[in-house]
Amino acid sequence: MSFNGYKHFGSFQAAADAANAQRRDTLEDLRNELFMASRGSNHRGDNEFLDVYRELLPFFERLLTSPR
């Protein structure tokens, strides 16, 4: 995983708060939400993060294909 939400936001709580806010306006917002979903899935031993990825995919596509 190349994005670490804990490092980016400074703590577990800050990363969790940002992910729960579901702002989805920036690439960092999306990456953090997916990071937290992945960490949660790893902790629980499930694949729920795949559902989050499918939900976030259109937002990633919009941000990555929009003119800068």
N, C-alpha and C. Protein backbone atom coordinates (compact mmCIF):
# COMPACT_ATOMS: atom_id res chain seq x y z
N MET A 1 0.85 -1.17 0.00
CA MET A 1 0.00 0.00 0.00
C MET A 1 0.90 1.23 0.00
N SER A 2 0.69 2.12 -0.93
CA SER A 2 1.58 3.28 -1.04
C SER A 2 1.07 4.51 -0.28
N PHE A 3 -0.14 4.46 0.24
CA PHE A 3 -0.69 5.59 0.99
C PHE A 3 -0.90 5.14 2.43
N ASN A 4 -0.40 5.94 3.36
CA ASN A 4 -0.57 5.65 4.78
C ASN A 4 -1.38 6.79 5.39
N GLY A 5 -2.64 6.54 5.64
CA GLY A 5 -3.53 7.56 6.20
C GLY A 5 -3.09 8.03 7.57
N TYR A 6 -2.50 7.13 8.36
CA TYR A 6 -2.03 7.52 9.69
C TYR A 6 -0.95 8.59 9.57
N LYS A 7 -0.01 8.37 8.65
CA LYS A 7 1.06 9.35 8.44
C LYS A 7 0.52 10.64 7.84
N HIS A 8 -0.34 10.50 6.84
CA HIS A 8 -0.85 11.68 6.14
C HIS A 8 -1.65 12.59 7.08
N PHE A 9 -2.51 12.01 7.90
CA PHE A 9 -3.37 12.80 8.78
C PHE A 9 -2.80 12.97 10.18
N GLY A 10 -1.73 12.24 10.49
CA GLY A 10 -1.05 12.44 11.76
C GLY A 10 -1.41 11.49 12.88
N SER A 11 -2.52 10.78 12.76
CA SER A 11 -2.91 9.83 13.80
C SER A 11 -4.01 8.92 13.28
N PHE A 12 -4.22 7.83 14.01
CA PHE A 12 -5.32 6.94 13.66
C PHE A 12 -6.64 7.69 13.72
N GLN A 13 -6.87 8.44 14.80
CA GLN A 13 -8.16 9.11 14.98
C GLN A 13 -8.42 10.12 13.88
N ALA A 14 -7.40 10.89 13.51
CA ALA A 14 -7.58 11.89 12.44
C ALA A 14 -7.88 11.22 11.11
N ALA A 15 -7.20 10.11 10.83
CA ALA A 15 -7.45 9.38 9.58
C ALA A 15 -8.85 8.77 9.59
N ALA A 16 -9.26 8.23 10.73
CA ALA A 16 -10.59 7.64 10.85
C ALA A 16 -11.67 8.71 10.69
N ASP A 17 -11.47 9.86 11.33
CA ASP A 17 -12.44 10.95 11.22
C ASP A 17 -12.57 11.41 9.78
N ALA A 18 -11.44 11.55 9.09
CA ALA A 18 -11.47 11.99 7.70
C ALA A 18 -12.17 10.95 6.82
N ALA A 19 -11.90 9.69 7.05
CA ALA A 19 -12.55 8.63 6.26
C ALA A 19 -14.05 8.60 6.52
N ASN A 20 -14.44 8.74 7.77
CA ASN A 20 -15.86 8.71 8.13
C ASN A 20 -16.61 9.92 7.58
N ALA A 21 -15.91 11.03 7.35
CA ALA A 21 -16.55 12.23 6.80
C ALA A 21 -16.95 12.03 5.34
N GLN A 22 -16.30 11.10 4.66
CA GLN A 22 -16.58 10.78 3.25
C GLN A 22 -16.65 12.03 2.37
N ARG A 23 -15.64 12.90 2.51
CA ARG A 23 -15.62 14.12 1.68
C ARG A 23 -15.47 13.80 0.20
N ARG A 24 -14.53 12.94 -0.14
CA ARG A 24 -14.36 12.45 -1.51
C ARG A 24 -14.10 13.54 -2.54
N ASP A 25 -13.51 14.65 -2.10
CA ASP A 25 -13.22 15.77 -3.00
C ASP A 25 -11.81 15.73 -3.56
N THR A 26 -10.91 15.06 -2.88
CA THR A 26 -9.51 15.02 -3.31
C THR A 26 -9.04 13.56 -3.39
N LEU A 27 -7.96 13.38 -4.10
CA LEU A 27 -7.37 12.05 -4.19
C LEU A 27 -6.97 11.54 -2.80
N GLU A 28 -6.48 12.44 -1.95
CA GLU A 28 -6.09 12.05 -0.60
C GLU A 28 -7.31 11.58 0.21
N ASP A 29 -8.45 12.25 0.04
CA ASP A 29 -9.68 11.82 0.71
C ASP A 29 -10.03 10.39 0.31
N LEU A 30 -10.00 10.12 -0.99
CA LEU A 30 -10.35 8.80 -1.49
C LEU A 30 -9.36 7.74 -1.05
N ARG A 31 -8.09 8.06 -1.17
CA ARG A 31 -7.06 7.10 -0.78
C ARG A 31 -7.15 6.77 0.70
N ASN A 32 -7.44 7.79 1.51
CA ASN A 32 -7.55 7.56 2.94
C ASN A 32 -8.77 6.70 3.27
N GLU A 33 -9.89 6.98 2.62
CA GLU A 33 -11.08 6.18 2.88
C GLU A 33 -10.83 4.71 2.51
N LEU A 34 -10.16 4.49 1.40
CA LEU A 34 -9.83 3.12 1.00
C LEU A 34 -8.80 2.51 1.94
N PHE A 35 -7.83 3.30 2.37
CA PHE A 35 -6.82 2.85 3.33
C PHE A 35 -7.49 2.36 4.61
N MET A 36 -8.40 3.18 5.14
CA MET A 36 -9.06 2.80 6.39
C MET A 36 -9.95 1.57 6.20
N ALA A 37 -10.62 1.47 5.06
CA ALA A 37 -11.44 0.29 4.79
C ALA A 37 -10.56 -0.95 4.69
N SER A 38 -9.41 -0.81 4.07
CA SER A 38 -8.48 -1.93 3.94
C SER A 38 -7.94 -2.36 5.30
N ARG A 39 -7.57 -1.39 6.12
CA ARG A 39 -7.07 -1.71 7.46
C ARG A 39 -8.15 -2.41 8.28
N GLY A 40 -9.39 -1.91 8.17
CA GLY A 40 -10.49 -2.54 8.89
C GLY A 40 -10.72 -3.97 8.43
N SER A 41 -10.69 -4.18 7.11
CA SER A 41 -10.86 -5.53 6.57
C SER A 41 -9.75 -6.46 7.04
N ASN A 42 -8.53 -5.95 7.05
CA ASN A 42 -7.40 -6.74 7.52
C ASN A 42 -7.60 -7.13 8.98
N HIS A 43 -8.05 -6.19 9.78
CA HIS A 43 -8.27 -6.43 11.21
C HIS A 43 -9.38 -7.46 11.43
N ARG A 44 -10.45 -7.34 10.65
CA ARG A 44 -11.60 -8.25 10.80
C ARG A 44 -11.42 -9.58 10.07
N GLY A 45 -10.49 -9.60 9.11
CA GLY A 45 -10.28 -10.81 8.32
C GLY A 45 -11.34 -11.01 7.25
N ASP A 46 -11.85 -9.89 6.70
CA ASP A 46 -12.86 -9.99 5.65
C ASP A 46 -12.41 -9.23 4.40
N ASN A 47 -13.26 -9.16 3.41
CA ASN A 47 -12.96 -8.46 2.17
C ASN A 47 -13.90 -7.28 1.93
N GLU A 48 -14.42 -6.70 2.99
CA GLU A 48 -15.37 -5.59 2.87
C GLU A 48 -14.77 -4.40 2.13
N PHE A 49 -13.44 -4.24 2.20
CA PHE A 49 -12.80 -3.12 1.52
C PHE A 49 -13.06 -3.17 0.01
N LEU A 50 -13.33 -4.35 -0.54
CA LEU A 50 -13.62 -4.45 -1.97
C LEU A 50 -14.93 -3.74 -2.32
N ASP A 51 -15.91 -3.80 -1.43
CA ASP A 51 -17.16 -3.06 -1.64
C ASP A 51 -16.90 -1.56 -1.61
N VAL A 52 -16.05 -1.13 -0.69
CA VAL A 52 -15.70 0.29 -0.60
C VAL A 52 -14.96 0.70 -1.87
N TYR A 53 -14.05 -0.14 -2.35
CA TYR A 53 -13.33 0.17 -3.58
C TYR A 53 -14.30 0.35 -4.74
N ARG A 54 -15.26 -0.56 -4.88
CA ARG A 54 -16.25 -0.44 -5.96
C ARG A 54 -17.05 0.85 -5.83
N GLU A 55 -17.37 1.23 -4.61
CA GLU A 55 -18.12 2.47 -4.38
C GLU A 55 -17.28 3.70 -4.72
N LEU A 56 -15.98 3.64 -4.43
CA LEU A 56 -15.10 4.78 -4.66
C LEU A 56 -14.58 4.88 -6.09
N LEU A 57 -14.62 3.80 -6.84
CA LEU A 57 -14.03 3.78 -8.18
C LEU A 57 -14.51 4.92 -9.07
N PRO A 58 -15.81 5.25 -9.14
CA PRO A 58 -16.22 6.39 -9.98
C PRO A 58 -15.61 7.72 -9.53
N PHE A 59 -15.39 7.87 -8.23
CA PHE A 59 -14.78 9.10 -7.73
C PHE A 59 -13.31 9.17 -8.13
N PHE A 60 -12.60 8.03 -8.04
CA PHE A 60 -11.22 7.96 -8.50
C PHE A 60 -11.15 8.30 -9.99
N GLU A 61 -12.02 7.69 -10.77
CA GLU A 61 -12.01 7.93 -12.22
C GLU A 61 -12.26 9.40 -12.54
N ARG A 62 -13.20 10.01 -11.84
CA ARG A 62 -13.51 11.43 -12.08
C ARG A 62 -12.29 12.30 -11.76
N LEU A 63 -11.67 12.05 -10.61
CA LEU A 63 -10.52 12.87 -10.22
C LEU A 63 -9.31 12.63 -11.12
N LEU A 64 -9.11 11.40 -11.53
CA LEU A 64 -7.91 11.08 -12.31
C LEU A 64 -8.05 11.42 -13.78
N THR A 65 -9.25 11.62 -14.26
CA THR A 65 -9.43 11.95 -15.68
C THR A 65 -9.84 13.40 -15.91
N SER A 66 -10.10 14.14 -14.84
CA SER A 66 -10.49 15.55 -15.02
C SER A 66 -9.26 16.38 -15.38
N PRO A 67 -9.44 17.39 -16.25
CA PRO A 67 -8.32 18.26 -16.60
C PRO A 67 -7.82 19.00 -15.37
N ARG A 68 -6.54 19.18 -15.31
CA ARG A 68 -5.95 19.86 -14.14
C ARG A 68 -5.75 21.30 -14.40
